[in-house]
């Protein structure tokens, strides 16, 4: 994301906040033209920020799942079937030593 896009998004955000607080008239022609022309930059910036936060949350969830895997898997790669031997999965809740 370029500096220009970030600055345009900042200006649009400022205009929107001024409108919300009633400090700038919505009929102000220059503010309306700036808002309309740079609105796509504001959307791009907001989307990038939201997705960055979402990506961080997804990575944290994935890390927890990897570290907190309750399943024990065992496999015999060769066996009596054409697909190989037996594949076993056991949940730690069924282990005798589990608290």
PDB file of N, CA and C in Angstrom:
ATOM      1  N   UNK A   1       0.856  -1.159   0.000  1.00  0.00           N
ATOM      2  CA  UNK A   1       0.000   0.000   0.000  1.00  0.00           C
ATOM      3  C   UNK A   1       0.911   1.233   0.000  1.00  0.00           C
ATOM      4  N   UNK A   2       0.630   2.127  -0.908  1.00  0.00           N
ATOM      5  CA  UNK A   2       1.485   3.299  -1.067  1.00  0.00           C
ATOM      6  C   UNK A   2       1.166   4.372  -0.023  1.00  0.00           C
ATOM      7  N   UNK A   3       2.093   5.289   0.132  1.00  0.00           N
ATOM      8  CA  UNK A   3       1.892   6.416   1.043  1.00  0.00           C
ATOM      9  C   UNK A   3       0.710   7.265   0.595  1.00  0.00           C
ATOM     10  N   UNK A   4       0.554   7.420  -0.709  1.00  0.00           N
ATOM     11  CA  UNK A   4      -0.548   8.215  -1.240  1.00  0.00           C
ATOM     12  C   UNK A   4      -1.896   7.634  -0.832  1.00  0.00           C
ATOM     13  N   UNK A   5      -2.037   6.329  -0.941  1.00  0.00           N
ATOM     14  CA  UNK A   5      -3.294   5.669  -0.572  1.00  0.00           C
ATOM     15  C   UNK A   5      -3.566   5.858   0.918  1.00  0.00           C
ATOM     16  N   UNK A   6      -2.533   5.720   1.734  1.00  0.00           N
ATOM     17  CA  UNK A   6      -2.702   5.882   3.181  1.00  0.00           C
ATOM     18  C   UNK A   6      -3.123   7.311   3.516  1.00  0.00           C
ATOM     19  N   UNK A   7      -2.489   8.289   2.899  1.00  0.00           N
ATOM     20  CA  UNK A   7      -2.842   9.684   3.160  1.00  0.00           C
ATOM     21  C   UNK A   7      -4.248  10.007   2.665  1.00  0.00           C
ATOM     22  N   UNK A   8      -4.617   9.492   1.502  1.00  0.00           N
ATOM     23  CA  UNK A   8      -5.980   9.705   1.008  1.00  0.00           C
ATOM     24  C   UNK A   8      -6.994   9.080   1.961  1.00  0.00           C
ATOM     25  N   UNK A   9      -6.702   7.884   2.450  1.00  0.00           N
ATOM     26  CA  UNK A   9      -7.601   7.223   3.396  1.00  0.00           C
ATOM     27  C   UNK A   9      -7.716   8.029   4.682  1.00  0.00           C
ATOM     28  N   UNK A  10      -6.618   8.598   5.128  1.00  0.00           N
ATOM     29  CA  UNK A  10      -6.635   9.425   6.333  1.00  0.00           C
ATOM     30  C   UNK A  10      -7.528  10.654   6.154  1.00  0.00           C
ATOM     31  N   UNK A  11      -7.428  11.298   5.000  1.00  0.00           N
ATOM     32  CA  UNK A  11      -8.255  12.475   4.724  1.00  0.00           C
ATOM     33  C   UNK A  11      -9.734  12.091   4.682  1.00  0.00           C
ATOM     34  N   UNK A  12     -10.051  10.990   4.041  1.00  0.00           N
ATOM     35  CA  UNK A  12     -11.447  10.540   3.976  1.00  0.00           C
ATOM     36  C   UNK A  12     -11.959  10.206   5.377  1.00  0.00           C
ATOM     37  N   UNK A  13     -11.137   9.551   6.172  1.00  0.00           N
ATOM     38  CA  UNK A  13     -11.537   9.238   7.549  1.00  0.00           C
ATOM     39  C   UNK A  13     -11.783  10.516   8.345  1.00  0.00           C
ATOM     40  N   UNK A  14     -10.941  11.502   8.169  1.00  0.00           N
ATOM     41  CA  UNK A  14     -11.116  12.789   8.847  1.00  0.00           C
ATOM     42  C   UNK A  14     -12.427  13.464   8.428  1.00  0.00           C
ATOM     43  N   UNK A  15     -12.696  13.477   7.141  1.00  0.00           N
ATOM     44  CA  UNK A  15     -13.948  14.071   6.642  1.00  0.00           C
ATOM     45  C   UNK A  15     -15.151  13.338   7.222  1.00  0.00           C
ATOM     46  N   UNK A  16     -15.107  12.019   7.248  1.00  0.00           N
ATOM     47  CA  UNK A  16     -16.226  11.232   7.767  1.00  0.00           C
ATOM     48  C   UNK A  16     -16.458  11.509   9.250  1.00  0.00           C
ATOM     49  N   UNK A  17     -15.372  11.641  10.005  1.00  0.00           N
ATOM     50  CA  UNK A  17     -15.518  11.928  11.435  1.00  0.00           C
ATOM     51  C   UNK A  17     -16.065  13.327  11.669  1.00  0.00           C
ATOM     52  N   UNK A  18     -15.621  14.289  10.857  1.00  0.00           N
ATOM     53  CA  UNK A  18     -16.157  15.645  10.977  1.00  0.00           C
ATOM     54  C   UNK A  18     -17.649  15.673  10.643  1.00  0.00           C
ATOM     55  N   UNK A  19     -18.056  14.931   9.623  1.00  0.00           N
ATOM     56  CA  UNK A  19     -19.474  14.829   9.274  1.00  0.00           C
ATOM     57  C   UNK A  19     -20.268  14.207  10.424  1.00  0.00           C
ATOM     58  N   UNK A  20     -19.727  13.130  11.005  1.00  0.00           N
ATOM     59  CA  UNK A  20     -20.448  12.440  12.081  1.00  0.00           C
ATOM     60  C   UNK A  20     -20.662  13.332  13.296  1.00  0.00           C
ATOM     61  N   UNK A  21     -19.708  14.194  13.577  1.00  0.00           N
ATOM     62  CA  UNK A  21     -19.807  15.074  14.741  1.00  0.00           C
ATOM     63  C   UNK A  21     -20.523  16.389  14.437  1.00  0.00           C
ATOM     64  N   UNK A  22     -20.887  16.584  13.178  1.00  0.00           N
ATOM     65  CA  UNK A  22     -21.596  17.797  12.798  1.00  0.00           C
ATOM     66  C   UNK A  22     -20.706  19.027  12.682  1.00  0.00           C
ATOM     67  N   UNK A  23     -19.402  18.820  12.611  1.00  0.00           N
ATOM     68  CA  UNK A  23     -18.458  19.936  12.519  1.00  0.00           C
ATOM     69  C   UNK A  23     -18.217  20.378  11.079  1.00  0.00           C
ATOM     70  N   UNK A  24     -18.702  19.594  10.133  1.00  0.00           N
ATOM     71  CA  UNK A  24     -18.563  19.920   8.715  1.00  0.00           C
ATOM     72  C   UNK A  24     -19.873  19.553   8.037  1.00  0.00           C
ATOM     73  N   UNK A  25     -20.381  20.465   7.249  1.00  0.00           N
ATOM     74  CA  UNK A  25     -21.655  20.234   6.572  1.00  0.00           C
ATOM     75  C   UNK A  25     -21.492  19.165   5.490  1.00  0.00           C
ATOM     76  N   UNK A  26     -22.462  18.274   5.400  1.00  0.00           N
ATOM     77  CA  UNK A  26     -22.425  17.244   4.351  1.00  0.00           C
ATOM     78  C   UNK A  26     -22.615  17.836   2.962  1.00  0.00           C
ATOM     79  N   UNK A  27     -23.078  19.051   2.895  1.00  0.00           N
ATOM     80  CA  UNK A  27     -23.270  19.692   1.594  1.00  0.00           C
ATOM     81  C   UNK A  27     -22.040  20.491   1.163  1.00  0.00           C
ATOM     82  N   UNK A  28     -20.982  20.445   1.952  1.00  0.00           N
ATOM     83  CA  UNK A  28     -19.744  21.139   1.588  1.00  0.00           C
ATOM     84  C   UNK A  28     -19.197  20.479   0.325  1.00  0.00           C
ATOM     85  N   UNK A  29     -19.167  21.219  -0.772  1.00  0.00           N
ATOM     86  CA  UNK A  29     -18.864  20.637  -2.092  1.00  0.00           C
ATOM     87  C   UNK A  29     -17.456  20.079  -2.187  1.00  0.00           C
ATOM     88  N   UNK A  30     -16.471  20.793  -1.666  1.00  0.00           N
ATOM     89  CA  UNK A  30     -15.079  20.336  -1.780  1.00  0.00           C
ATOM     90  C   UNK A  30     -14.876  19.057  -0.957  1.00  0.00           C
ATOM     91  N   UNK A  31     -15.400  19.054   0.266  1.00  0.00           N
ATOM     92  CA  UNK A  31     -15.274  17.856   1.099  1.00  0.00           C
ATOM     93  C   UNK A  31     -15.984  16.673   0.444  1.00  0.00           C
ATOM     94  N   UNK A  32     -17.150  16.917  -0.132  1.00  0.00           N
ATOM     95  CA  UNK A  32     -17.894  15.850  -0.794  1.00  0.00           C
ATOM     96  C   UNK A  32     -17.130  15.301  -1.996  1.00  0.00           C
ATOM     97  N   UNK A  33     -16.508  16.179  -2.788  1.00  0.00           N
ATOM     98  CA  UNK A  33     -15.735  15.727  -3.955  1.00  0.00           C
ATOM     99  C   UNK A  33     -14.501  14.934  -3.520  1.00  0.00           C
ATOM    100  N   UNK A  34     -13.807  15.423  -2.486  1.00  0.00           N
ATOM    101  CA  UNK A  34     -12.634  14.690  -1.987  1.00  0.00           C
ATOM    102  C   UNK A  34     -13.069  13.314  -1.489  1.00  0.00           C
ATOM    103  N   UNK A  35     -14.133  13.290  -0.713  1.00  0.00           N
ATOM    104  CA  UNK A  35     -14.633  12.019  -0.180  1.00  0.00           C
ATOM    105  C   UNK A  35     -14.995  11.054  -1.311  1.00  0.00           C
ATOM    106  N   UNK A  36     -15.718  11.522  -2.287  1.00  0.00           N
ATOM    107  CA  UNK A  36     -16.157  10.653  -3.384  1.00  0.00           C
ATOM    108  C   UNK A  36     -14.985  10.137  -4.216  1.00  0.00           C
ATOM    109  N   UNK A  37     -13.987  10.991  -4.450  1.00  0.00           N
ATOM    110  CA  UNK A  37     -12.851  10.588  -5.290  1.00  0.00           C
ATOM    111  C   UNK A  37     -11.883   9.650  -4.564  1.00  0.00           C
ATOM    112  N   UNK A  38     -11.734   9.810  -3.261  1.00  0.00           N
ATOM    113  CA  UNK A  38     -10.755   9.020  -2.518  1.00  0.00           C
ATOM    114  C   UNK A  38     -11.392   7.926  -1.674  1.00  0.00           C
ATOM    115  N   UNK A  39     -12.685   7.720  -1.826  1.00  0.00           N
ATOM    116  CA  UNK A  39     -13.377   6.703  -1.037  1.00  0.00           C
ATOM    117  C   UNK A  39     -12.782   5.314  -1.270  1.00  0.00           C
ATOM    118  N   UNK A  40     -12.400   5.009  -2.499  1.00  0.00           N
ATOM    119  CA  UNK A  40     -11.827   3.682  -2.798  1.00  0.00           C
ATOM    120  C   UNK A  40     -10.506   3.470  -2.052  1.00  0.00           C
ATOM    121  N   UNK A  41      -9.730   4.529  -1.857  1.00  0.00           N
ATOM    122  CA  UNK A  41      -8.489   4.412  -1.081  1.00  0.00           C
ATOM    123  C   UNK A  41      -8.803   4.105   0.378  1.00  0.00           C
ATOM    124  N   UNK A  42      -9.855   4.739   0.895  1.00  0.00           N
ATOM    125  CA  UNK A  42     -10.268   4.500   2.271  1.00  0.00           C
ATOM    126  C   UNK A  42     -10.708   3.046   2.446  1.00  0.00           C
ATOM    127  N   UNK A  43     -11.483   2.528   1.487  1.00  0.00           N
ATOM    128  CA  UNK A  43     -11.937   1.140   1.552  1.00  0.00           C
ATOM    129  C   UNK A  43     -10.753   0.185   1.477  1.00  0.00           C
ATOM    130  N   UNK A  44      -9.807   0.466   0.595  1.00  0.00           N
ATOM    131  CA  UNK A  44      -8.615  -0.378   0.463  1.00  0.00           C
ATOM    132  C   UNK A  44      -7.826  -0.412   1.769  1.00  0.00           C
ATOM    133  N   UNK A  45      -7.644   0.738   2.384  1.00  0.00           N
ATOM    134  CA  UNK A  45      -6.892   0.832   3.639  1.00  0.00           C
ATOM    135  C   UNK A  45      -7.610   0.081   4.764  1.00  0.00           C
ATOM    136  N   UNK A  46      -8.914   0.322   4.908  1.00  0.00           N
ATOM    137  CA  UNK A  46      -9.677  -0.329   5.970  1.00  0.00           C
ATOM    138  C   UNK A  46      -9.686  -1.853   5.787  1.00  0.00           C
ATOM    139  N   UNK A  47      -9.814  -2.287   4.543  1.00  0.00           N
ATOM    140  CA  UNK A  47      -9.817  -3.721   4.266  1.00  0.00           C
ATOM    141  C   UNK A  47      -8.463  -4.341   4.605  1.00  0.00           C
ATOM    142  N   UNK A  48      -7.382  -3.666   4.227  1.00  0.00           N
ATOM    143  CA  UNK A  48      -6.037  -4.179   4.523  1.00  0.00           C
ATOM    144  C   UNK A  48      -5.811  -4.291   6.028  1.00  0.00           C
ATOM    145  N   UNK A  49      -6.239  -3.297   6.777  1.00  0.00           N
ATOM    146  CA  UNK A  49      -6.074  -3.327   8.233  1.00  0.00           C
ATOM    147  C   UNK A  49      -6.907  -4.441   8.864  1.00  0.00           C
ATOM    148  N   UNK A  50      -8.127  -4.596   8.403  1.00  0.00           N
ATOM    149  CA  UNK A  50      -8.998  -5.641   8.941  1.00  0.00           C
ATOM    150  C   UNK A  50      -8.443  -7.018   8.630  1.00  0.00           C
ATOM    151  N   UNK A  51      -7.988  -7.221   7.407  1.00  0.00           N
ATOM    152  CA  UNK A  51      -7.464  -8.526   7.016  1.00  0.00           C
ATOM    153  C   UNK A  51      -6.167  -8.848   7.734  1.00  0.00           C
ATOM    154  N   UNK A  52      -5.345  -7.839   8.013  1.00  0.00           N
ATOM    155  CA  UNK A  52      -4.103  -8.071   8.753  1.00  0.00           C
ATOM    156  C   UNK A  52      -4.426  -8.578  10.162  1.00  0.00           C
ATOM    157  N   UNK A  53      -5.408  -7.959  10.796  1.00  0.00           N
ATOM    158  CA  UNK A  53      -5.820  -8.417  12.120  1.00  0.00           C
ATOM    159  C   UNK A  53      -6.411  -9.812  12.082  1.00  0.00           C
ATOM    160  N   UNK A  54      -7.172 -10.087  11.061  1.00  0.00           N
ATOM    161  CA  UNK A  54      -7.771 -11.403  10.900  1.00  0.00           C
ATOM    162  C   UNK A  54      -6.700 -12.466  10.662  1.00  0.00           C
ATOM    163  N   UNK A  55      -5.702 -12.154   9.845  1.00  0.00           N
ATOM    164  CA  UNK A  55      -4.606 -13.092   9.592  1.00  0.00           C
ATOM    165  C   UNK A  55      -3.861 -13.433  10.879  1.00  0.00           C
ATOM    166  N   UNK A  56      -3.643 -12.431  11.744  1.00  0.00           N
ATOM    167  CA  UNK A  56      -2.977 -12.682  13.024  1.00  0.00           C
ATOM    168  C   UNK A  56      -3.813 -13.619  13.894  1.00  0.00           C
ATOM    169  N   UNK A  57      -5.118 -13.407  13.914  1.00  0.00           N
ATOM    170  CA  UNK A  57      -5.992 -14.257  14.711  1.00  0.00           C
ATOM    171  C   UNK A  57      -5.999 -15.693  14.176  1.00  0.00           C
ATOM    172  N   UNK A  58      -6.008 -15.839  12.868  1.00  0.00           N
ATOM    173  CA  UNK A  58      -5.999 -17.172  12.257  1.00  0.00           C
ATOM    174  C   UNK A  58      -4.710 -17.907  12.604  1.00  0.00           C
ATOM    175  N   UNK A  59      -3.580 -17.222  12.515  1.00  0.00           N
ATOM    176  CA  UNK A  59      -2.296 -17.844  12.843  1.00  0.00           C
ATOM    177  C   UNK A  59      -2.249 -18.264  14.309  1.00  0.00           C
ATOM    178  N   UNK A  60      -2.821 -17.452  15.202  1.00  0.00           N
ATOM    179  CA  UNK A  60      -2.845 -17.810  16.621  1.00  0.00           C
ATOM    180  C   UNK A  60      -3.698 -19.054  16.846  1.00  0.00           C
ATOM    181  N   UNK A  61      -4.824 -19.146  16.165  1.00  0.00           N
ATOM    182  CA  UNK A  61      -5.694 -20.324  16.298  1.00  0.00           C
ATOM    183  C   UNK A  61      -4.986 -21.558  15.747  1.00  0.00           C
ATOM    184  N   UNK A  62      -4.337 -21.424  14.595  1.00  0.00           N
ATOM    185  CA  UNK A  62      -3.615 -22.563  14.011  1.00  0.00           C
ATOM    186  C   UNK A  62      -2.505 -23.038  14.937  1.00  0.00           C
ATOM    187  N   UNK A  63      -1.767 -22.108  15.530  1.00  0.00           N
ATOM    188  CA  UNK A  63      -0.682 -22.484  16.438  1.00  0.00           C
ATOM    189  C   UNK A  63      -1.232 -23.232  17.649  1.00  0.00           C
ATOM    190  N   UNK A  64      -2.374 -22.800  18.150  1.00  0.00           N
ATOM    191  CA  UNK A  64      -2.980 -23.481  19.288  1.00  0.00           C
ATOM    192  C   UNK A  64      -3.416 -24.888  18.901  1.00  0.00           C
ATOM    193  N   UNK A  65      -3.992 -25.042  17.735  1.00  0.00           N
ATOM    194  CA  UNK A  65      -4.432 -26.360  17.295  1.00  0.00           C
ATOM    195  C   UNK A  65      -3.258 -27.309  17.134  1.00  0.00           C
ATOM    196  N   UNK A  66      -2.152 -26.807  16.598  1.00  0.00           N
ATOM    197  CA  UNK A  66      -0.982 -27.663  16.393  1.00  0.00           C
ATOM    198  C   UNK A  66      -0.401 -28.068  17.740  1.00  0.00           C
ATOM    199  N   UNK A  67      -0.294 -27.131  18.666  1.00  0.00           N
ATOM    200  CA  UNK A  67       0.291 -27.422  19.968  1.00  0.00           C
ATOM    201  C   UNK A  67      -0.635 -28.250  20.849  1.00  0.00           C
ATOM    202  N   UNK A  68      -1.925 -28.151  20.639  1.00  0.00           N
ATOM    203  CA  UNK A  68      -2.900 -28.791  21.510  1.00  0.00           C
ATOM    204  C   UNK A  68      -3.633 -29.913  20.780  1.00  0.00           C
ATOM    205  N   UNK A  69      -2.874 -30.766  20.095  1.00  0.00           N
ATOM    206  CA  UNK A  69      -3.488 -31.861  19.347  1.00  0.00           C
ATOM    207  C   UNK A  69      -3.743 -33.037  20.293  1.00  0.00           C
ATOM    208  N   UNK A  70      -5.005 -33.384  20.548  1.00  0.00           N
ATOM    209  CA  UNK A  70      -5.318 -34.446  21.513  1.00  0.00           C
ATOM    210  C   UNK A  70      -5.241 -35.854  20.916  1.00  0.00           C
ATOM    211  N   UNK A  71      -4.953 -35.980  19.640  1.00  0.00           N
ATOM    212  CA  UNK A  71      -4.984 -37.276  18.974  1.00  0.00           C
ATOM    213  C   UNK A  71      -3.581 -37.863  18.854  1.00  0.00           C
ATOM    214  N   UNK A  72      -3.512 -39.185  19.052  1.00  0.00           N
ATOM    215  CA  UNK A  72      -2.286 -39.934  18.804  1.00  0.00           C
ATOM    216  C   UNK A  72      -2.564 -40.826  17.605  1.00  0.00           C
ATOM    217  N   UNK A  73      -1.712 -40.729  16.611  1.00  0.00           N
ATOM    218  CA  UNK A  73      -1.920 -41.507  15.387  1.00  0.00           C
ATOM    219  C   UNK A  73      -0.781 -42.492  15.202  1.00  0.00           C
ATOM    220  N   UNK A  74      -1.130 -43.677  14.707  1.00  0.00           N
ATOM    221  CA  UNK A  74      -0.109 -44.664  14.361  1.00  0.00           C
ATOM    222  C   UNK A  74      -0.540 -45.346  13.067  1.00  0.00           C
ATOM    223  N   UNK A  75       0.438 -45.680  12.267  1.00  0.00           N
ATOM    224  CA  UNK A  75       0.130 -46.257  10.965  1.00  0.00           C
ATOM    225  C   UNK A  75       1.178 -47.297  10.621  1.00  0.00           C
ATOM    226  N   UNK A  76       0.734 -48.393  10.035  1.00  0.00           N
ATOM    227  CA  UNK A  76       1.626 -49.401   9.481  1.00  0.00           C
ATOM    228  C   UNK A  76       1.615 -49.189   7.973  1.00  0.00           C
ATOM    229  N   UNK A  77       2.717 -48.674   7.388  1.00  0.00           N
ATOM    230  CA  UNK A  77       2.674 -48.321   5.973  1.00  0.00           C
ATOM    231  C   UNK A  77       2.496 -49.506   5.034  1.00  0.00           C
ATOM    232  N   UNK A  78       2.913 -50.687   5.443  1.00  0.00           N
ATOM    233  CA  UNK A  78       2.752 -51.848   4.577  1.00  0.00           C
ATOM    234  C   UNK A  78       1.932 -52.885   5.325  1.00  0.00           C
ATOM    235  N   UNK A  79       1.040 -53.549   4.607  1.00  0.00           N
ATOM    236  CA  UNK A  79       0.197 -54.549   5.267  1.00  0.00           C
ATOM    237  C   UNK A  79      -0.536 -55.399   4.264  1.00  0.00           C
ATOM    238  N   UNK A  80      -1.608 -56.039   4.745  1.00  0.00           N
ATOM    239  CA  UNK A  80      -2.299 -57.004   3.911  1.00  0.00           C
ATOM    240  C   UNK A  80      -3.251 -56.390   2.886  1.00  0.00           C
ATOM    241  N   UNK A  81      -3.548 -55.098   2.956  1.00  0.00           N
ATOM    242  CA  UNK A  81      -4.448 -54.481   1.972  1.00  0.00           C
ATOM    243  C   UNK A  81      -3.636 -53.689   0.949  1.00  0.00           C
ATOM    244  N   UNK A  82      -4.204 -53.436  -0.242  1.00  0.00           N
ATOM    245  CA  UNK A  82      -3.483 -52.663  -1.259  1.00  0.00           C
ATOM    246  C   UNK A  82      -3.179 -51.222  -0.805  1.00  0.00           C
ATOM    247  N   UNK A  83      -3.944 -50.735   0.155  1.00  0.00           N
ATOM    248  CA  UNK A  83      -3.723 -49.369   0.638  1.00  0.00           C
ATOM    249  C   UNK A  83      -2.718 -49.299   1.771  1.00  0.00           C
ATOM    250  N   UNK A  84      -2.260 -50.433   2.239  1.00  0.00           N
ATOM    251  CA  UNK A  84      -1.291 -50.452   3.331  1.00  0.00           C
ATOM    252  C   UNK A  84      -1.875 -51.130   4.542  1.00  0.00           C
ATOM    253  N   UNK A  85      -1.204 -50.953   5.641  1.00  0.00           N
ATOM    254  CA  UNK A  85      -1.625 -51.607   6.880  1.00  0.00           C
ATOM    255  C   UNK A  85      -2.632 -50.778   7.641  1.00  0.00           C
ATOM    256  N   UNK A  86      -2.663 -51.051   8.911  1.00  0.00           N
ATOM    257  CA  UNK A  86      -3.703 -50.463   9.732  1.00  0.00           C
ATOM    258  C   UNK A  86      -3.338 -49.030  10.140  1.00  0.00           C
ATOM    259  N   UNK A  87      -4.361 -48.228  10.274  1.00  0.00           N
ATOM    260  CA  UNK A  87      -4.217 -46.836  10.708  1.00  0.00           C
ATOM    261  C   UNK A  87      -5.031 -46.683  11.981  1.00  0.00           C
ATOM    262  N   UNK A  88      -4.370 -46.210  13.030  1.00  0.00           N
ATOM    263  CA  UNK A  88      -5.060 -46.056  14.309  1.00  0.00           C
ATOM    264  C   UNK A  88      -4.978 -44.603  14.766  1.00  0.00           C
ATOM    265  N   UNK A  89      -6.063 -44.176  15.384  1.00  0.00           N
ATOM    266  CA  UNK A  89      -6.113 -42.848  15.999  1.00  0.00           C
ATOM    267  C   UNK A  89      -6.733 -43.012  17.380  1.00  0.00           C
ATOM    268  N   UNK A  90      -6.096 -42.390  18.358  1.00  0.00           N
ATOM    269  CA  UNK A  90      -6.597 -42.503  19.729  1.00  0.00           C
ATOM    270  C   UNK A  90      -6.601 -41.114  20.355  1.00  0.00           C
ATOM    271  N   UNK A  91      -7.704 -40.793  21.002  1.00  0.00           N
ATOM    272  CA  UNK A  91      -7.829 -39.504  21.680  1.00  0.00           C
ATOM    273  C   UNK A  91      -7.278 -39.643  23.093  1.00  0.00           C
ATOM    274  N   UNK A  92      -6.605 -38.608  23.570  1.00  0.00           N
ATOM    275  CA  UNK A  92      -5.971 -38.700  24.882  1.00  0.00           C
ATOM    276  C   UNK A  92      -6.986 -38.822  26.021  1.00  0.00           C
ATOM    277  N   UNK A  93      -8.236 -38.505  25.772  1.00  0.00           N
ATOM    278  CA  UNK A  93      -9.260 -38.652  26.810  1.00  0.00           C
ATOM    279  C   UNK A  93      -9.465 -40.105  27.184  1.00  0.00           C
ATOM    280  N   UNK A  94      -9.122 -41.036  26.273  1.00  0.00           N
ATOM    281  CA  UNK A  94      -9.309 -42.447  26.528  1.00  0.00           C
ATOM    282  C   UNK A  94      -8.049 -43.126  27.083  1.00  0.00           C
ATOM    283  N   UNK A  95      -6.962 -42.382  27.213  1.00  0.00           N
ATOM    284  CA  UNK A  95      -5.750 -42.950  27.771  1.00  0.00           C
ATOM    285  C   UNK A  95      -5.929 -43.135  29.282  1.00  0.00           C
ATOM    286  N   UNK A  96      -5.364 -44.203  29.803  1.00  0.00           N
ATOM    287  CA  UNK A  96      -5.509 -44.482  31.227  1.00  0.00           C
ATOM    288  C   UNK A  96      -4.744 -43.470  32.084  1.00  0.00           C
ATOM    289  N   UNK A  97      -3.637 -42.957  31.571  1.00  0.00           N
ATOM    290  CA  UNK A  97      -2.826 -42.047  32.361  1.00  0.00           C
ATOM    291  C   UNK A  97      -3.320 -40.606  32.296  1.00  0.00           C
ATOM    292  N   UNK A  98      -4.337 -40.338  31.484  1.00  0.00           N
ATOM    293  CA  UNK A  98      -4.855 -38.970  31.371  1.00  0.00           C
ATOM    294  C   UNK A  98      -5.542 -38.584  32.678  1.00  0.00           C
ATOM    295  N   UNK A  99      -5.376 -37.344  33.144  1.00  0.00           N
ATOM    296  CA  UNK A  99      -5.982 -36.924  34.411  1.00  0.00           C
ATOM    297  C   UNK A  99      -7.496 -36.801  34.309  1.00  0.00           C
TER     298      UNK A  99
END
